[in-house]
Amino acid sequence: MAFGARVLKTGIAVTLSLYISMLFEFQLPVIAAVAAIFAMQPSIYRSWRHFLDQLQTNTLGAAMAMLAGMFLSKDPFAIGIVCILAIMICLKLKMEETIGLTLVTVIVVMEASGQWDFALTRFLLSLIGIGSAFIINVLFFPPKPKEQFVKQIQTVFNKLSLLLRTFVSDEIKESVFRQEKQALENEVKSLAQKYSLFEEDLKKLKKSTFSQIRHLVVYKQMLTTLHKGIEVLDAVEQHYFQAARTPEIDAYFDLHLEMFIKYHEHVLLKFGDKLKPDSSENEKMEQANDDFMKTMIKSYSEEREGVLRLSIVTAAMYDYCFQIGRLDKQVEQFNSKSPEEKETVEKLISWFKK
């Protein structure tokens, strides 16, 4: 985990839970601090969902632990049995993420050996930690996966662009390429997680507007396009350099890949409202992509050696440009939607929610 708002909020939540515990003069305030650490989540919806889930499973766990503590004391074997039962309940309720904190609650409550006042105090400490994490997560630097996605998308594209340009032309060192490619794949996974959080917040919290829904569609296509760019890298790495090629073929591939990358960059700038709208660009690139494929198919029929490997690279590049074209069309629609159409769709969304 990199240092960021979530790390800072975890520390604040721990501090708040400790202060509240000290305010009520509870013993072992560290229990509240541990609960706060477990309860910090990456989105508003997950914070709320986690809060409710933890409340349910911790209540059940504490009740089981108090009953077991009364009849079985704090025998290690008994604690292990109750922990197993608590895990089974969490799995049955499909609340796997609550298992860790629920087990903490079970252990500290059973350690009270059936003394209801101590057991209740320790259960309340867990709730203080959970509540502190939820409050801090919502009030201080609330998670904004959409804004994080937008900031990161350009950085990820720049890294993809650099790798595509330098790898096909065989300029980058192999060790550097592998290191940078792994970093790129990790960043794309991070983007996908942010998209999932944004989508989850909109769908589960039922606050989606027309503009947000359109953003979802465009963001999903942005991710798809990045994945296709990585597939081009994979195809080049595994097949391009192993195939028999001529200097003319190298120049042809390099020319078109440069063209596709520039098109991808223009679409992202267009979405950021930094370029003038140009719907004819999509048609030009579609034609260029079709010509690229037809030319390569023709050359394959004339030259048999290395045909299969180069055809895989050609197909990956064609699909990459095709997905950029889809993204371009979605961005054009996104930017050209009239106020009347927005109002109509907003009404439809409200009607469907009722």
Protein backbone atom coordinates (compact mmCIF):
# COMPACT_ATOMS: atom_id res chain seq x y z
CA MET A 1 0.00 0.00 0.00
CA ALA A 2 1.42 3.38 -1.00
CA PHE A 3 1.20 6.33 1.36
CA GLY A 4 -2.00 8.22 0.76
CA ALA A 5 -5.28 9.38 2.26
CA ARG A 6 -6.27 5.88 3.39
CA VAL A 7 -3.04 5.47 5.37
CA LEU A 8 -3.53 8.87 6.99
CA LYS A 9 -7.18 8.15 7.79
CA THR A 10 -6.29 4.82 9.38
CA GLY A 11 -3.98 6.64 11.78
CA ILE A 12 -6.65 9.25 12.57
CA ALA A 13 -9.28 6.52 13.14
CA VAL A 14 -6.95 4.70 15.54
CA THR A 15 -6.33 7.94 17.43
CA LEU A 16 -10.06 8.74 17.63
CA SER A 17 -10.94 5.24 18.85
CA LEU A 18 -8.27 5.44 21.57
CA TYR A 19 -9.48 8.87 22.73
CA ILE A 20 -13.10 7.72 22.90
CA SER A 21 -12.08 4.62 24.86
CA MET A 22 -10.09 6.74 27.29
CA LEU A 23 -12.99 9.19 27.60
CA PHE A 24 -15.27 6.39 28.82
CA GLU A 25 -12.41 4.97 30.90
CA PHE A 26 -12.53 1.57 29.20
CA GLN A 27 -9.74 -0.84 29.91
CA LEU A 28 -7.73 -2.31 27.00
CA PRO A 29 -8.44 0.52 24.49
CA VAL A 30 -6.07 -1.27 22.11
CA ILE A 31 -9.07 -3.44 21.12
CA ALA A 32 -10.79 -0.37 19.68
CA ALA A 33 -7.60 0.58 17.83
CA VAL A 34 -7.32 -2.89 16.27
CA ALA A 35 -10.98 -2.74 15.21
CA ALA A 36 -10.42 0.66 13.56
CA ILE A 37 -7.51 -0.73 11.55
CA PHE A 38 -9.57 -3.66 10.26
CA ALA A 39 -12.58 -1.49 9.42
CA MET A 40 -10.97 1.11 7.12
CA GLN A 41 -12.30 0.64 3.57
CA PRO A 42 -11.45 2.14 0.13
CA SER A 43 -14.93 3.53 -0.73
CA ILE A 44 -18.01 5.08 0.90
CA TYR A 45 -20.26 2.16 -0.03
CA ARG A 46 -17.81 -0.43 1.23
CA SER A 47 -17.40 1.53 4.46
CA TRP A 48 -21.15 1.49 5.03
CA ARG A 49 -21.49 -2.15 3.98
CA HIS A 50 -18.53 -3.15 6.13
CA PHE A 51 -19.95 -1.25 9.10
CA LEU A 52 -23.28 -3.13 8.86
CA ASP A 53 -21.61 -6.49 8.27
CA GLN A 54 -19.20 -6.03 11.17
CA LEU A 55 -22.07 -4.98 13.42
CA GLN A 56 -23.94 -8.20 12.64
CA THR A 57 -21.07 -10.67 12.82
CA ASN A 58 -19.45 -9.05 15.85
CA THR A 59 -22.76 -9.09 17.73
CA LEU A 60 -23.21 -12.79 16.94
CA GLY A 61 -19.60 -13.53 17.79
CA ALA A 62 -19.80 -11.66 21.08
CA ALA A 63 -23.03 -13.43 22.05
CA MET A 64 -21.50 -16.83 21.29
CA ALA A 65 -18.34 -15.91 23.18
CA MET A 66 -20.23 -14.74 26.28
CA LEU A 67 -22.30 -17.93 26.41
CA ALA A 68 -19.25 -20.11 25.82
CA GLY A 69 -17.29 -18.14 28.42
CA MET A 70 -19.98 -18.75 31.03
CA PHE A 71 -20.00 -22.53 30.55
CA LEU A 72 -16.52 -23.31 29.24
CA SER A 73 -14.43 -20.53 30.81
CA LYS A 74 -11.43 -19.40 28.75
CA ASP A 75 -10.00 -22.80 27.95
CA PRO A 76 -7.86 -22.54 24.76
CA PHE A 77 -9.63 -25.52 23.22
CA ALA A 78 -13.03 -23.90 23.82
CA ILE A 79 -11.83 -20.61 22.31
CA GLY A 80 -10.67 -22.49 19.20
CA ILE A 81 -14.05 -24.23 18.84
CA VAL A 82 -15.96 -20.94 19.13
CA CYS A 83 -13.62 -19.32 16.59
CA ILE A 84 -14.37 -22.14 14.14
CA LEU A 85 -18.11 -21.64 14.66
CA ALA A 86 -17.72 -17.87 14.17
CA ILE A 87 -15.86 -18.43 10.90
CA MET A 88 -18.56 -20.81 9.69
CA ILE A 89 -21.25 -18.23 10.47
CA CYS A 90 -19.38 -15.47 8.63
CA LEU A 91 -18.94 -17.73 5.60
CA LYS A 92 -22.61 -18.74 5.69
CA LEU A 93 -23.65 -15.08 5.76
CA LYS A 94 -21.16 -14.37 2.92
CA MET A 95 -19.32 -11.86 5.07
CA GLU A 96 -15.80 -13.23 4.70
CA GLU A 97 -14.18 -9.82 5.16
CA THR A 98 -15.51 -9.56 8.71
CA ILE A 99 -13.86 -12.79 9.91
CA GLY A 100 -10.66 -11.19 11.23
CA LEU A 101 -12.31 -8.61 13.49
CA THR A 102 -15.06 -11.04 14.55
CA LEU A 103 -12.42 -13.48 15.79
CA VAL A 104 -10.71 -10.67 17.72
CA THR A 105 -14.06 -9.93 19.38
CA VAL A 106 -14.65 -13.62 20.18
CA ILE A 107 -11.23 -14.01 21.78
CA VAL A 108 -11.31 -10.86 23.91
CA VAL A 109 -14.90 -11.53 25.06
CA MET A 110 -14.21 -15.18 25.94
CA GLU A 111 -11.15 -14.07 27.84
CA ALA A 112 -13.59 -12.41 30.26
CA SER A 113 -14.79 -15.92 31.25
CA GLY A 114 -18.49 -15.15 31.33
CA GLN A 115 -18.26 -11.86 33.24
CA TRP A 116 -20.94 -9.93 31.41
CA ASP A 117 -19.72 -6.45 32.37
CA PHE A 118 -16.18 -7.08 31.09
CA ALA A 119 -17.45 -8.91 28.02
CA LEU A 120 -19.85 -6.10 27.16
CA THR A 121 -17.11 -3.51 27.62
CA ARG A 122 -14.81 -5.33 25.24
CA PHE A 123 -17.58 -5.72 22.70
CA LEU A 124 -18.28 -2.00 22.91
CA LEU A 125 -14.59 -1.33 22.31
CA SER A 126 -14.84 -3.21 19.01
CA LEU A 127 -17.87 -1.16 18.03
CA ILE A 128 -16.03 2.06 18.91
CA GLY A 129 -13.21 1.08 16.57
CA ILE A 130 -15.58 0.16 13.73
CA GLY A 131 -17.58 3.36 14.17
CA SER A 132 -14.47 5.53 14.34
CA ALA A 133 -13.15 4.10 11.08
CA PHE A 134 -16.50 4.66 9.36
CA ILE A 135 -16.84 8.27 10.55
CA ILE A 136 -13.27 9.21 9.61
CA ASN A 137 -13.56 7.54 6.21
CA VAL A 138 -16.72 9.47 5.37
CA LEU A 139 -15.84 12.89 6.83
CA PHE A 140 -12.09 13.22 6.17
CA PHE A 141 -10.88 12.99 2.59
CA PRO A 142 -13.77 10.72 1.51
CA PRO A 143 -12.71 8.19 -1.15
CA LYS A 144 -13.12 9.56 -4.68
CA PRO A 145 -12.33 6.68 -7.05
CA LYS A 146 -13.62 8.64 -10.06
CA GLU A 147 -11.18 11.52 -9.56
CA GLN A 148 -8.36 9.07 -8.84
CA PHE A 149 -9.18 7.18 -12.05
CA VAL A 150 -9.08 10.36 -14.16
CA LYS A 151 -5.74 11.44 -12.69
CA GLN A 152 -4.16 8.03 -13.22
CA ILE A 153 -5.44 7.26 -16.74
CA GLN A 154 -3.10 9.71 -18.48
CA THR A 155 -0.07 8.48 -16.52
CA VAL A 156 -0.83 4.88 -17.46
CA PHE A 157 -1.31 5.78 -21.11
CA ASN A 158 2.02 7.63 -21.18
CA LYS A 159 3.79 4.53 -19.90
CA LEU A 160 2.00 2.33 -22.47
CA SER A 161 2.87 4.79 -25.24
CA LEU A 162 6.55 4.82 -24.29
CA LEU A 163 6.78 1.02 -24.22
CA LEU A 164 4.98 0.58 -27.56
CA ARG A 165 7.12 3.18 -29.31
CA THR A 166 10.47 1.97 -28.02
CA PHE A 167 9.85 -1.78 -28.04
CA VAL A 168 8.68 -2.23 -31.62
CA SER A 169 11.60 -0.12 -32.84
CA ASP A 170 13.86 -2.30 -30.65
CA GLU A 171 15.31 0.69 -28.78
CA ILE A 172 14.56 -0.20 -25.17
CA LYS A 173 16.68 -2.60 -23.14
CA GLU A 174 15.00 -5.94 -22.51
CA SER A 175 15.50 -5.80 -18.73
CA VAL A 176 14.04 -2.27 -18.59
CA PHE A 177 11.13 -3.33 -20.79
CA ARG A 178 10.16 -6.23 -18.53
CA GLN A 179 10.37 -4.06 -15.43
CA GLU A 180 8.31 -1.25 -16.95
CA LYS A 181 5.78 -3.66 -18.43
CA GLN A 182 5.18 -5.25 -15.03
CA ALA A 183 4.70 -1.80 -13.52
CA LEU A 184 2.26 -0.94 -16.33
CA GLU A 185 0.20 -4.09 -15.73
CA ASN A 186 0.05 -3.31 -11.99
CA GLU A 187 -1.16 0.23 -12.69
CA VAL A 188 -3.85 -1.04 -15.07
CA LYS A 189 -5.04 -3.41 -12.32
CA SER A 190 -5.15 -0.45 -9.95
CA LEU A 191 -7.23 1.48 -12.49
CA ALA A 192 -9.62 -1.46 -12.82
CA GLN A 193 -10.07 -1.50 -9.04
CA LYS A 194 -10.85 2.21 -8.96
CA TYR A 195 -13.38 1.75 -11.75
CA SER A 196 -15.02 -1.09 -9.81
CA LEU A 197 -15.26 1.10 -6.70
CA PHE A 198 -16.80 3.97 -8.67
CA GLU A 199 -19.28 1.63 -10.36
CA GLU A 200 -20.12 0.00 -7.04
CA ASP A 201 -20.78 3.35 -5.34
CA LEU A 202 -23.14 4.43 -8.13
CA LYS A 203 -25.09 1.18 -8.30
CA LYS A 204 -25.30 0.31 -4.61
CA LEU A 205 -25.85 3.78 -3.18
CA LYS A 206 -28.46 4.53 -5.89
CA LYS A 207 -27.20 8.04 -6.55
CA SER A 208 -26.30 7.65 -10.21
CA THR A 209 -27.04 10.53 -12.56
CA PHE A 210 -27.06 10.58 -16.34
CA SER A 211 -23.63 12.21 -16.45
CA GLN A 212 -22.14 9.62 -14.08
CA ILE A 213 -23.58 6.73 -16.06
CA ARG A 214 -22.05 8.13 -19.24
CA HIS A 215 -18.74 8.46 -17.43
CA LEU A 216 -18.95 4.79 -16.47
CA VAL A 217 -19.38 3.75 -20.10
CA VAL A 218 -16.43 5.84 -21.26
CA TYR A 219 -14.18 4.75 -18.38
CA LYS A 220 -14.89 1.10 -19.06
CA GLN A 221 -13.90 1.55 -22.70
CA MET A 222 -10.75 3.38 -21.61
CA LEU A 223 -9.79 0.32 -19.58
CA THR A 224 -10.57 -2.00 -22.48
CA THR A 225 -8.39 0.08 -24.80
CA LEU A 226 -5.47 0.00 -22.37
CA HIS A 227 -5.80 -3.77 -22.09
CA LYS A 228 -5.68 -4.03 -25.89
CA GLY A 229 -2.52 -1.92 -25.90
CA ILE A 230 -0.92 -4.34 -23.46
CA GLU A 231 -1.99 -7.22 -25.72
CA VAL A 232 -0.04 -5.55 -28.54
CA LEU A 233 3.01 -5.48 -26.28
CA ASP A 234 2.53 -9.19 -25.51
CA ALA A 235 2.16 -10.04 -29.20
CA VAL A 236 5.27 -8.09 -30.18
CA GLU A 237 7.29 -9.65 -27.36
CA GLN A 238 6.25 -13.23 -28.16
CA HIS A 239 5.99 -13.18 -31.97
CA TYR A 240 7.28 -10.08 -33.75
CA PHE A 241 11.01 -10.43 -33.25
CA GLN A 242 10.87 -14.20 -33.79
CA ALA A 243 9.35 -13.76 -37.27
CA ALA A 244 11.30 -13.23 -40.49
CA ARG A 245 10.94 -9.54 -41.43
CA THR A 246 12.29 -7.06 -43.91
CA PRO A 247 13.26 -3.44 -43.17
CA GLU A 248 10.17 -2.39 -45.11
CA ILE A 249 7.89 -4.47 -42.83
CA ASP A 250 9.57 -3.05 -39.72
CA ALA A 251 9.03 0.48 -41.00
CA TYR A 252 5.40 -0.28 -41.90
CA PHE A 253 4.58 -1.69 -38.46
CA ASP A 254 6.39 1.15 -36.72
CA LEU A 255 4.54 3.75 -38.81
CA HIS A 256 1.10 2.38 -38.07
CA LEU A 257 1.75 1.74 -34.40
CA GLU A 258 2.88 5.35 -34.06
CA MET A 259 -0.31 6.40 -35.84
CA PHE A 260 -2.50 4.32 -33.47
CA ILE A 261 -0.76 5.64 -30.37
CA LYS A 262 -1.21 9.23 -31.53
CA TYR A 263 -4.88 8.53 -32.19
CA HIS A 264 -5.26 7.11 -28.67
CA GLU A 265 -3.62 10.22 -27.24
CA HIS A 266 -5.93 12.51 -29.24
CA VAL A 267 -9.03 10.68 -27.96
CA LEU A 268 -7.92 11.08 -24.34
CA LEU A 269 -7.23 14.78 -24.91
CA LYS A 270 -10.61 15.12 -26.58
CA PHE A 271 -12.29 13.58 -23.54
CA GLY A 272 -10.46 16.07 -21.35
CA ASP A 273 -11.95 18.84 -23.54
CA LYS A 274 -8.49 19.96 -24.66
CA LEU A 275 -9.01 19.48 -28.41
CA LYS A 276 -11.59 20.68 -30.88
CA PRO A 277 -14.18 18.04 -31.83
CA ASP A 278 -13.32 16.25 -35.07
CA SER A 279 -15.66 13.42 -36.00
CA SER A 280 -13.86 12.87 -39.31
CA GLU A 281 -10.78 11.60 -37.47
CA ASN A 282 -12.59 8.41 -36.56
CA GLU A 283 -13.44 7.66 -40.17
CA LYS A 284 -9.87 8.33 -41.29
CA MET A 285 -8.44 5.99 -38.66
CA GLU A 286 -10.96 3.27 -39.45
CA GLN A 287 -9.89 3.43 -43.07
CA ALA A 288 -6.20 3.45 -42.11
CA ASN A 289 -6.75 0.44 -39.86
CA ASP A 290 -8.56 -1.48 -42.60
CA ASP A 291 -5.83 -0.61 -45.11
CA PHE A 292 -3.18 -1.78 -42.67
CA MET A 293 -4.88 -5.14 -42.27
CA LYS A 294 -5.49 -5.59 -46.00
CA THR A 295 -1.90 -4.69 -46.87
CA MET A 296 -0.49 -7.14 -44.35
CA ILE A 297 -2.84 -9.93 -45.50
CA LYS A 298 -1.67 -9.35 -49.06
CA SER A 299 1.98 -9.50 -48.01
CA TYR A 300 1.33 -12.71 -46.07
CA SER A 301 0.00 -14.39 -49.19
CA GLU A 302 3.22 -13.52 -50.99
CA GLU A 303 5.66 -14.39 -48.21
CA ARG A 304 5.09 -17.65 -46.33
CA GLU A 305 7.93 -17.51 -43.79
CA GLY A 306 6.91 -15.96 -40.47
CA VAL A 307 3.34 -15.39 -41.63
CA LEU A 308 1.61 -16.82 -38.56
CA ARG A 309 3.67 -14.85 -36.04
CA LEU A 310 3.28 -11.54 -37.86
CA SER A 311 -0.44 -12.15 -38.37
CA ILE A 312 -0.87 -12.41 -34.58
CA VAL A 313 0.82 -9.03 -34.12
CA THR A 314 -1.25 -7.54 -36.94
CA ALA A 315 -4.49 -8.77 -35.38
CA ALA A 316 -3.53 -7.34 -31.98
CA MET A 317 -2.73 -3.94 -33.51
CA TYR A 318 -5.94 -3.96 -35.55
CA ASP A 319 -8.03 -4.70 -32.45
CA TYR A 320 -6.18 -1.99 -30.50
CA CYS A 321 -7.06 0.63 -33.12
CA PHE A 322 -10.62 -0.71 -33.36
CA GLN A 323 -11.13 -0.23 -29.61
CA ILE A 324 -9.66 3.28 -29.79
CA GLY A 325 -12.24 4.00 -32.48
CA ARG A 326 -15.04 2.80 -30.20
CA LEU A 327 -13.69 5.02 -27.44
CA ASP A 328 -13.57 7.96 -29.86
CA LYS A 329 -17.24 7.50 -30.78
CA GLN A 330 -18.25 7.31 -27.13
CA VAL A 331 -16.29 10.46 -26.33
CA GLU A 332 -17.96 12.26 -29.27
CA GLN A 333 -21.39 11.22 -27.97
CA PHE A 334 -20.41 12.21 -24.45
CA ASN A 335 -19.38 15.72 -25.54
CA SER A 336 -22.29 16.33 -27.91
CA LYS A 337 -25.22 15.37 -25.67
CA SER A 338 -27.78 18.17 -25.62
CA PRO A 339 -29.37 19.51 -22.40
CA GLU A 340 -32.76 18.21 -23.54
CA GLU A 341 -31.43 14.69 -23.93
CA LYS A 342 -29.76 14.92 -20.53
CA GLU A 343 -33.02 15.96 -18.87
CA THR A 344 -34.93 13.15 -20.57
CA VAL A 345 -32.49 10.48 -19.48
CA GLU A 346 -32.36 11.90 -15.95
CA LYS A 347 -36.14 11.48 -15.72
CA LEU A 348 -35.88 7.91 -17.00
CA ILE A 349 -33.23 7.09 -14.40
CA SER A 350 -35.39 8.53 -11.61
CA TRP A 351 -38.40 6.59 -12.88
CA PHE A 352 -36.51 3.29 -12.94
CA LYS A 353 -35.25 3.84 -9.36
CA LYS A 354 -38.80 4.15 -7.99
